[in-house]
All heavy atoms as atom14 arrays in JSON, in Angstrom:
{
  "sequence": "NLLDNHPPFQIDGNFGGAAGIMEMLVQDFREEVYLL",
  "atom14_mask": [
    [1, 1, 1, 1, 1, 1, 1, 1, 0, 0, 0, 0, 0, 0],
    [1, 1, 1, 1, 1, 1, 1, 1, 0, 0, 0, 0, 0, 0],
    [1, 1, 1, 1, 1, 1, 1, 1, 0, 0, 0, 0, 0, 0],
    [1, 1, 1, 1, 1, 1, 1, 1, 0, 0, 0, 0, 0, 0],
    [1, 1, 1, 1, 1, 1, 1, 1, 0, 0, 0, 0, 0, 0],
    [1, 1, 1, 1, 1, 1, 1, 1, 1, 1, 0, 0, 0, 0],
    [1, 1, 1, 1, 1, 1, 1, 0, 0, 0, 0, 0, 0, 0],
    [1, 1, 1, 1, 1, 1, 1, 0, 0, 0, 0, 0, 0, 0],
    [1, 1, 1, 1, 1, 1, 1, 1, 1, 1, 1, 0, 0, 0],
    [1, 1, 1, 1, 1, 1, 1, 1, 1, 0, 0, 0, 0, 0],
    [1, 1, 1, 1, 1, 1, 1, 1, 0, 0, 0, 0, 0, 0],
    [1, 1, 1, 1, 1, 1, 1, 1, 0, 0, 0, 0, 0, 0],
    [1, 1, 1, 1, 0, 0, 0, 0, 0, 0, 0, 0, 0, 0],
    [1, 1, 1, 1, 1, 1, 1, 1, 0, 0, 0, 0, 0, 0],
    [1, 1, 1, 1, 1, 1, 1, 1, 1, 1, 1, 0, 0, 0],
    [1, 1, 1, 1, 0, 0, 0, 0, 0, 0, 0, 0, 0, 0],
    [1, 1, 1, 1, 0, 0, 0, 0, 0, 0, 0, 0, 0, 0],
    [1, 1, 1, 1, 1, 0, 0, 0, 0, 0, 0, 0, 0, 0],
    [1, 1, 1, 1, 1, 0, 0, 0, 0, 0, 0, 0, 0, 0],
    [1, 1, 1, 1, 0, 0, 0, 0, 0, 0, 0, 0, 0, 0],
    [1, 1, 1, 1, 1, 1, 1, 1, 0, 0, 0, 0, 0, 0],
    [1, 1, 1, 1, 1, 1, 1, 1, 0, 0, 0, 0, 0, 0],
    [1, 1, 1, 1, 1, 1, 1, 1, 1, 0, 0, 0, 0, 0],
    [1, 1, 1, 1, 1, 1, 1, 1, 0, 0, 0, 0, 0, 0],
    [1, 1, 1, 1, 1, 1, 1, 1, 0, 0, 0, 0, 0, 0],
    [1, 1, 1, 1, 1, 1, 1, 0, 0, 0, 0, 0, 0, 0],
    [1, 1, 1, 1, 1, 1, 1, 1, 1, 0, 0, 0, 0, 0],
    [1, 1, 1, 1, 1, 1, 1, 1, 0, 0, 0, 0, 0, 0],
    [1, 1, 1, 1, 1, 1, 1, 1, 1, 1, 1, 0, 0, 0],
    [1, 1, 1, 1, 1, 1, 1, 1, 1, 1, 1, 0, 0, 0],
    [1, 1, 1, 1, 1, 1, 1, 1, 1, 0, 0, 0, 0, 0],
    [1, 1, 1, 1, 1, 1, 1, 1, 1, 0, 0, 0, 0, 0],
    [1, 1, 1, 1, 1, 1, 1, 0, 0, 0, 0, 0, 0, 0],
    [1, 1, 1, 1, 1, 1, 1, 1, 1, 1, 1, 1, 0, 0],
    [1, 1, 1, 1, 1, 1, 1, 1, 0, 0, 0, 0, 0, 0],
    [1, 1, 1, 1, 1, 1, 1, 1, 0, 0, 0, 0, 0, 0]
  ],
  "atom14_positions": [
    [[-12.57, -14.95, -10.81], [-12.21, -14.64, -12.2], [-11.5, -13.29, -12.31], [-11.37, -12.73, -13.4], [-13.46, -14.67, -13.1], [-14.52, -13.68, -12.67], [-14.33, -12.91, -11.73], [-15.66, -13.7, -13.35], [0.0, 0.0, 0.0], [0.0, 0.0, 0.0], [0.0, 0.0, 0.0], [0.0, 0.0, 0.0], [0.0, 0.0, 0.0], [0.0, 0.0, 0.0]],
    [[-11.03, -12.79, -11.18], [-10.27, -11.54, -11.05], [-11.11, -10.28, -11.25], [-10.55, -9.18, -11.26], [-9.06, -11.5, -11.99], [-7.8, -12.23, -11.53], [-6.61, -11.85, -12.41], [-7.47, -11.98, -10.07], [0.0, 0.0, 0.0], [0.0, 0.0, 0.0], [0.0, 0.0, 0.0], [0.0, 0.0, 0.0], [0.0, 0.0, 0.0], [0.0, 0.0, 0.0]],
    [[-12.43, -10.41, -11.4], [-13.26, -9.21, -11.46], [-13.42, -8.64, -10.06], [-13.45, -9.37, -9.06], [-14.63, -9.53, -12.07], [-14.62, -9.86, -13.56], [-16.04, -10.2, -14.03], [-14.05, -8.71, -14.39], [0.0, 0.0, 0.0], [0.0, 0.0, 0.0], [0.0, 0.0, 0.0], [0.0, 0.0, 0.0], [0.0, 0.0, 0.0], [0.0, 0.0, 0.0]],
    [[-13.54, -7.33, -9.99], [-13.65, -6.63, -8.72], [-14.98, -6.95, -8.03], [-16.01, -7.09, -8.68], [-13.53, -5.12, -8.96], [-13.71, -4.33, -7.68], [-12.83, -4.41, -6.82], [-14.74, -3.65, -7.55], [0.0, 0.0, 0.0], [0.0, 0.0, 0.0], [0.0, 0.0, 0.0], [0.0, 0.0, 0.0], [0.0, 0.0, 0.0], [0.0, 0.0, 0.0]],
    [[-14.95, -7.0, -6.72], [-16.14, -7.32, -5.93], [-16.45, -6.15, -5.02], [-15.73, -5.9, -4.05], [-15.89, -8.58, -5.11], [-17.17, -9.17, -4.55], [-18.26, -8.82, -4.98], [-17.02, -10.07, -3.61], [0.0, 0.0, 0.0], [0.0, 0.0, 0.0], [0.0, 0.0, 0.0], [0.0, 0.0, 0.0], [0.0, 0.0, 0.0], [0.0, 0.0, 0.0]],
    [[-17.55, -5.43, -5.33], [-17.92, -4.28, -4.49], [-18.2, -4.68, -3.06], [-17.64, -3.99, -2.16], [-19.14, -3.58, -5.12], [-19.64, -2.38, -4.37], [-20.41, -2.49, -3.26], [-19.46, -1.05, -4.56], [-20.71, -1.27, -2.8], [-20.14, -0.39, -3.58], [0.0, 0.0, 0.0], [0.0, 0.0, 0.0], [0.0, 0.0, 0.0], [0.0, 0.0, 0.0]],
    [[-19.0, -5.72, -2.73], [-19.79, -6.59, -3.61], [-21.14, -5.96, -3.97], [-21.57, -5.07, -3.24], [-19.98, -7.84, -2.74], [-19.97, -7.33, -1.34], [-19.03, -6.16, -1.32], [0.0, 0.0, 0.0], [0.0, 0.0, 0.0], [0.0, 0.0, 0.0], [0.0, 0.0, 0.0], [0.0, 0.0, 0.0], [0.0, 0.0, 0.0], [0.0, 0.0, 0.0]],
    [[-21.84, -6.42, -5.05], [-21.45, -7.46, -6.0], [-20.39, -6.93, -6.97], [-19.8, -5.87, -6.73], [-22.75, -7.77, -6.72], [-23.49, -6.46, -6.73], [-23.15, -5.83, -5.41], [0.0, 0.0, 0.0], [0.0, 0.0, 0.0], [0.0, 0.0, 0.0], [0.0, 0.0, 0.0], [0.0, 0.0, 0.0], [0.0, 0.0, 0.0], [0.0, 0.0, 0.0]],
    [[-20.19, -7.7, -8.07], [-19.21, -7.29, -9.08], [-19.45, -5.87, -9.54], [-20.56, -5.48, -9.87], [-19.27, -8.25, -10.28], [-18.69, -7.66, -11.55], [-17.39, -7.19, -11.6], [-19.46, -7.58, -12.7], [-16.86, -6.64, -12.77], [-18.95, -7.04, -13.87], [-17.64, -6.56, -13.9], [0.0, 0.0, 0.0], [0.0, 0.0, 0.0], [0.0, 0.0, 0.0]],
    [[-18.37, -5.1, -9.56], [-18.38, -3.73, -10.08], [-16.98, -3.48, -10.62], [-16.0, -3.64, -9.91], [-18.73, -2.75, -8.96], [-19.19, -1.4, -9.44], [-19.8, -0.58, -8.32], [-20.88, -0.88, -7.83], [-19.1, 0.45, -7.91], [0.0, 0.0, 0.0], [0.0, 0.0, 0.0], [0.0, 0.0, 0.0], [0.0, 0.0, 0.0], [0.0, 0.0, 0.0]],
    [[-16.87, -3.06, -11.86], [-15.58, -3.11, -12.57], [-14.63, -1.99, -12.2], [-13.43, -2.07, -12.47], [-15.83, -3.14, -14.09], [-14.64, -3.77, -14.82], [-16.13, -1.73, -14.61], [-14.93, -4.13, -16.26], [0.0, 0.0, 0.0], [0.0, 0.0, 0.0], [0.0, 0.0, 0.0], [0.0, 0.0, 0.0], [0.0, 0.0, 0.0], [0.0, 0.0, 0.0]],
    [[-15.11, -0.93, -11.54], [-14.25, 0.22, -11.25], [-13.03, -0.16, -10.42], [-11.95, 0.42, -10.59], [-15.04, 1.33, -10.55], [-16.02, 0.8, -9.52], [-15.88, -0.36, -9.08], [-16.95, 1.54, -9.16], [0.0, 0.0, 0.0], [0.0, 0.0, 0.0], [0.0, 0.0, 0.0], [0.0, 0.0, 0.0], [0.0, 0.0, 0.0], [0.0, 0.0, 0.0]],
    [[-13.16, -1.14, -9.52], [-12.02, -1.55, -8.72], [-10.9, -2.15, -9.54], [-9.71, -1.99, -9.2], [0.0, 0.0, 0.0], [0.0, 0.0, 0.0], [0.0, 0.0, 0.0], [0.0, 0.0, 0.0], [0.0, 0.0, 0.0], [0.0, 0.0, 0.0], [0.0, 0.0, 0.0], [0.0, 0.0, 0.0], [0.0, 0.0, 0.0], [0.0, 0.0, 0.0]],
    [[-11.25, -2.86, -10.62], [-10.2, -3.38, -11.52], [-9.4, -2.24, -12.14], [-8.16, -2.27, -12.16], [-10.83, -4.22, -12.64], [-11.31, -5.57, -12.17], [-12.5, -5.76, -11.93], [-10.4, -6.52, -12.04], [0.0, 0.0, 0.0], [0.0, 0.0, 0.0], [0.0, 0.0, 0.0], [0.0, 0.0, 0.0], [0.0, 0.0, 0.0], [0.0, 0.0, 0.0]],
    [[-10.12, -1.25, -12.65], [-9.44, -0.13, -13.31], [-8.68, 0.73, -12.3], [-7.55, 1.15, -12.54], [-10.45, 0.71, -14.07], [-11.13, -0.02, -15.2], [-12.5, 0.04, -15.37], [-10.4, -0.79, -16.09], [-13.14, -0.62, -16.41], [-11.02, -1.46, -17.13], [-12.39, -1.38, -17.29], [0.0, 0.0, 0.0], [0.0, 0.0, 0.0], [0.0, 0.0, 0.0]],
    [[-9.31, 0.99, -11.14], [-8.64, 1.78, -10.12], [-7.43, 1.08, -9.54], [-6.41, 1.72, -9.25], [0.0, 0.0, 0.0], [0.0, 0.0, 0.0], [0.0, 0.0, 0.0], [0.0, 0.0, 0.0], [0.0, 0.0, 0.0], [0.0, 0.0, 0.0], [0.0, 0.0, 0.0], [0.0, 0.0, 0.0], [0.0, 0.0, 0.0], [0.0, 0.0, 0.0]],
    [[-7.53, -0.25, -9.36], [-6.39, -1.0, -8.85], [-5.2, -0.94, -9.79], [-4.05, -0.76, -9.36], [0.0, 0.0, 0.0], [0.0, 0.0, 0.0], [0.0, 0.0, 0.0], [0.0, 0.0, 0.0], [0.0, 0.0, 0.0], [0.0, 0.0, 0.0], [0.0, 0.0, 0.0], [0.0, 0.0, 0.0], [0.0, 0.0, 0.0], [0.0, 0.0, 0.0]],
    [[-5.46, -1.09, -11.09], [-4.38, -1.0, -12.08], [-3.79, 0.41, -12.12], [-2.56, 0.58, -12.25], [-4.89, -1.42, -13.45], [0.0, 0.0, 0.0], [0.0, 0.0, 0.0], [0.0, 0.0, 0.0], [0.0, 0.0, 0.0], [0.0, 0.0, 0.0], [0.0, 0.0, 0.0], [0.0, 0.0, 0.0], [0.0, 0.0, 0.0], [0.0, 0.0, 0.0]],
    [[-4.65, 1.42, -12.03], [-4.15, 2.8, -12.0], [-3.27, 3.0, -10.77], [-2.26, 3.72, -10.84], [-5.32, 3.78, -11.99], [0.0, 0.0, 0.0], [0.0, 0.0, 0.0], [0.0, 0.0, 0.0], [0.0, 0.0, 0.0], [0.0, 0.0, 0.0], [0.0, 0.0, 0.0], [0.0, 0.0, 0.0], [0.0, 0.0, 0.0], [0.0, 0.0, 0.0]],
    [[-3.62, 2.35, -9.66], [-2.8, 2.44, -8.45], [-1.43, 1.83, -8.63], [-0.42, 2.38, -8.14], [0.0, 0.0, 0.0], [0.0, 0.0, 0.0], [0.0, 0.0, 0.0], [0.0, 0.0, 0.0], [0.0, 0.0, 0.0], [0.0, 0.0, 0.0], [0.0, 0.0, 0.0], [0.0, 0.0, 0.0], [0.0, 0.0, 0.0], [0.0, 0.0, 0.0]],
    [[-1.36, 0.7, -9.32], [-0.05, 0.08, -9.6], [0.81, 1.03, -10.42], [1.99, 1.24, -10.13], [-0.25, -1.26, -10.34], [-0.95, -2.27, -9.44], [1.08, -1.8, -10.84], [-1.43, -3.52, -10.16], [0.0, 0.0, 0.0], [0.0, 0.0, 0.0], [0.0, 0.0, 0.0], [0.0, 0.0, 0.0], [0.0, 0.0, 0.0], [0.0, 0.0, 0.0]],
    [[0.22, 1.63, -11.45], [0.97, 2.56, -12.29], [1.38, 3.81, -11.52], [2.47, 4.36, -11.72], [0.15, 2.92, -13.53], [0.84, 3.87, -14.5], [2.48, 3.31, -15.04], [2.05, 1.83, -15.95], [0.0, 0.0, 0.0], [0.0, 0.0, 0.0], [0.0, 0.0, 0.0], [0.0, 0.0, 0.0], [0.0, 0.0, 0.0], [0.0, 0.0, 0.0]],
    [[0.53, 4.26, -10.6], [0.84, 5.47, -9.84], [2.01, 5.24, -8.88], [2.73, 6.19, -8.54], [-0.4, 5.94, -9.07], [-0.35, 7.39, -8.63], [-0.42, 8.38, -9.79], [-0.86, 7.99, -10.89], [-0.06, 9.56, -9.57], [0.0, 0.0, 0.0], [0.0, 0.0, 0.0], [0.0, 0.0, 0.0], [0.0, 0.0, 0.0], [0.0, 0.0, 0.0]],
    [[2.21, 4.0, -8.44], [3.4, 3.7, -7.63], [4.67, 3.92, -8.44], [5.72, 4.26, -7.9], [3.36, 2.24, -7.16], [2.24, 1.87, -6.23], [2.39, 0.12, -5.78], [0.71, -0.28, -5.32], [0.0, 0.0, 0.0], [0.0, 0.0, 0.0], [0.0, 0.0, 0.0], [0.0, 0.0, 0.0], [0.0, 0.0, 0.0], [0.0, 0.0, 0.0]],
    [[4.55, 3.74, -9.75], [5.72, 3.78, -10.63], [5.94, 5.13, -11.28], [7.08, 5.56, -11.45], [5.58, 2.71, -11.73], [5.3, 1.28, -11.26], [5.13, 0.36, -12.46], [6.4, 0.79, -10.34], [0.0, 0.0, 0.0], [0.0, 0.0, 0.0], [0.0, 0.0, 0.0], [0.0, 0.0, 0.0], [0.0, 0.0, 0.0], [0.0, 0.0, 0.0]],
    [[4.85, 5.8, -11.69], [4.97, 7.07, -12.41], [3.89, 8.03, -11.9], [2.7, 7.7, -11.95], [4.8, 6.89, -13.93], [4.99, 8.23, -14.64], [5.75, 5.85, -14.48], [0.0, 0.0, 0.0], [0.0, 0.0, 0.0], [0.0, 0.0, 0.0], [0.0, 0.0, 0.0], [0.0, 0.0, 0.0], [0.0, 0.0, 0.0], [0.0, 0.0, 0.0]],
    [[4.3, 9.19, -11.44], [3.36, 10.24, -11.05], [3.63, 11.47, -11.92], [4.74, 12.0, -11.93], [3.49, 10.57, -9.56], [3.13, 9.38, -8.68], [3.22, 9.66, -7.21], [3.08, 10.81, -6.77], [3.42, 8.62, -6.41], [0.0, 0.0, 0.0], [0.0, 0.0, 0.0], [0.0, 0.0, 0.0], [0.0, 0.0, 0.0], [0.0, 0.0, 0.0]],
    [[2.58, 11.89, -12.63], [2.72, 12.91, -13.67], [2.02, 14.19, -13.24], [0.79, 14.24, -13.16], [2.12, 12.37, -14.97], [2.27, 13.32, -16.14], [2.88, 14.39, -15.97], [1.76, 13.0, -17.23], [0.0, 0.0, 0.0], [0.0, 0.0, 0.0], [0.0, 0.0, 0.0], [0.0, 0.0, 0.0], [0.0, 0.0, 0.0], [0.0, 0.0, 0.0]],
    [[2.8, 15.22, -12.94], [2.25, 16.53, -12.57], [2.54, 17.57, -13.65], [2.76, 18.74, -13.35], [2.81, 16.97, -11.22], [2.45, 16.06, -10.09], [3.4, 15.25, -9.51], [1.14, 15.98, -9.63], [3.08, 14.4, -8.47], [0.8, 15.13, -8.59], [1.77, 14.33, -8.0], [0.0, 0.0, 0.0], [0.0, 0.0, 0.0], [0.0, 0.0, 0.0]],
    [[2.61, 17.11, -14.9], [2.84, 17.95, -16.06], [4.26, 18.5, -16.1], [5.08, 18.03, -16.88], [1.81, 19.07, -16.16], [0.37, 18.56, -16.26], [-0.63, 19.68, -16.27], [-0.53, 20.5, -17.46], [-1.17, 21.63, -17.64], [-1.96, 22.1, -16.68], [-1.05, 22.32, -18.76], [0.0, 0.0, 0.0], [0.0, 0.0, 0.0], [0.0, 0.0, 0.0]],
    [[4.57, 19.46, -15.26], [5.91, 20.04, -15.29], [6.92, 19.17, -14.54], [8.13, 19.3, -14.74], [5.9, 21.46, -14.68], [5.76, 21.53, -13.17], [4.36, 21.27, -12.63], [3.43, 21.11, -13.46], [4.2, 21.24, -11.4], [0.0, 0.0, 0.0], [0.0, 0.0, 0.0], [0.0, 0.0, 0.0], [0.0, 0.0, 0.0], [0.0, 0.0, 0.0]],
    [[6.43, 18.29, -13.68], [7.29, 17.39, -12.92], [6.76, 15.96, -13.02], [5.55, 15.74, -12.95], [7.36, 17.79, -11.44], [8.04, 19.12, -11.19], [8.06, 19.48, -9.71], [7.25, 18.91, -8.94], [8.88, 20.32, -9.33], [0.0, 0.0, 0.0], [0.0, 0.0, 0.0], [0.0, 0.0, 0.0], [0.0, 0.0, 0.0], [0.0, 0.0, 0.0]],
    [[7.68, 15.02, -13.16], [7.32, 13.6, -13.21], [8.2, 12.85, -12.22], [9.43, 13.0, -12.23], [7.5, 13.01, -14.63], [7.31, 11.5, -14.62], [6.51, 13.66, -15.6], [0.0, 0.0, 0.0], [0.0, 0.0, 0.0], [0.0, 0.0, 0.0], [0.0, 0.0, 0.0], [0.0, 0.0, 0.0], [0.0, 0.0, 0.0], [0.0, 0.0, 0.0]],
    [[7.55, 12.07, -11.35], [8.25, 11.28, -10.34], [8.26, 9.82, -10.76], [7.19, 9.22, -10.96], [7.58, 11.42, -8.98], [7.68, 12.8, -8.37], [6.8, 13.82, -8.76], [8.65, 13.09, -7.41], [6.89, 15.09, -8.21], [8.74, 14.37, -6.86], [7.86, 15.35, -7.26], [7.96, 16.61, -6.71], [0.0, 0.0, 0.0], [0.0, 0.0, 0.0]],
    [[9.43, 9.23, -10.89], [9.56, 7.81, -11.19], [9.82, 7.05, -9.9], [10.64, 7.46, -9.07], [10.71, 7.58, -12.17], [10.65, 8.33, -13.5], [11.84, 7.96, -14.37], [9.34, 8.05, -14.23], [0.0, 0.0, 0.0], [0.0, 0.0, 0.0], [0.0, 0.0, 0.0], [0.0, 0.0, 0.0], [0.0, 0.0, 0.0], [0.0, 0.0, 0.0]],
    [[9.11, 5.94, -9.72], [9.22, 5.08, -8.53], [8.94, 5.88, -7.25], [9.55, 5.64, -6.21], [10.59, 4.42, -8.46], [11.06, 3.66, -9.7], [12.38, 2.95, -9.41], [10.01, 2.66, -10.17], [0.0, 0.0, 0.0], [0.0, 0.0, 0.0], [0.0, 0.0, 0.0], [0.0, 0.0, 0.0], [0.0, 0.0, 0.0], [0.0, 0.0, 0.0]]
  ]
}
């Protein structure tokens, strides 16, 4: 059901995995931002 498996189910991997996808695309260091 796409929920993260520690195991057992633990939701942090879902949130961390999505944050990882976004970090591949945008990295924000306040004064500098890296795209892709």
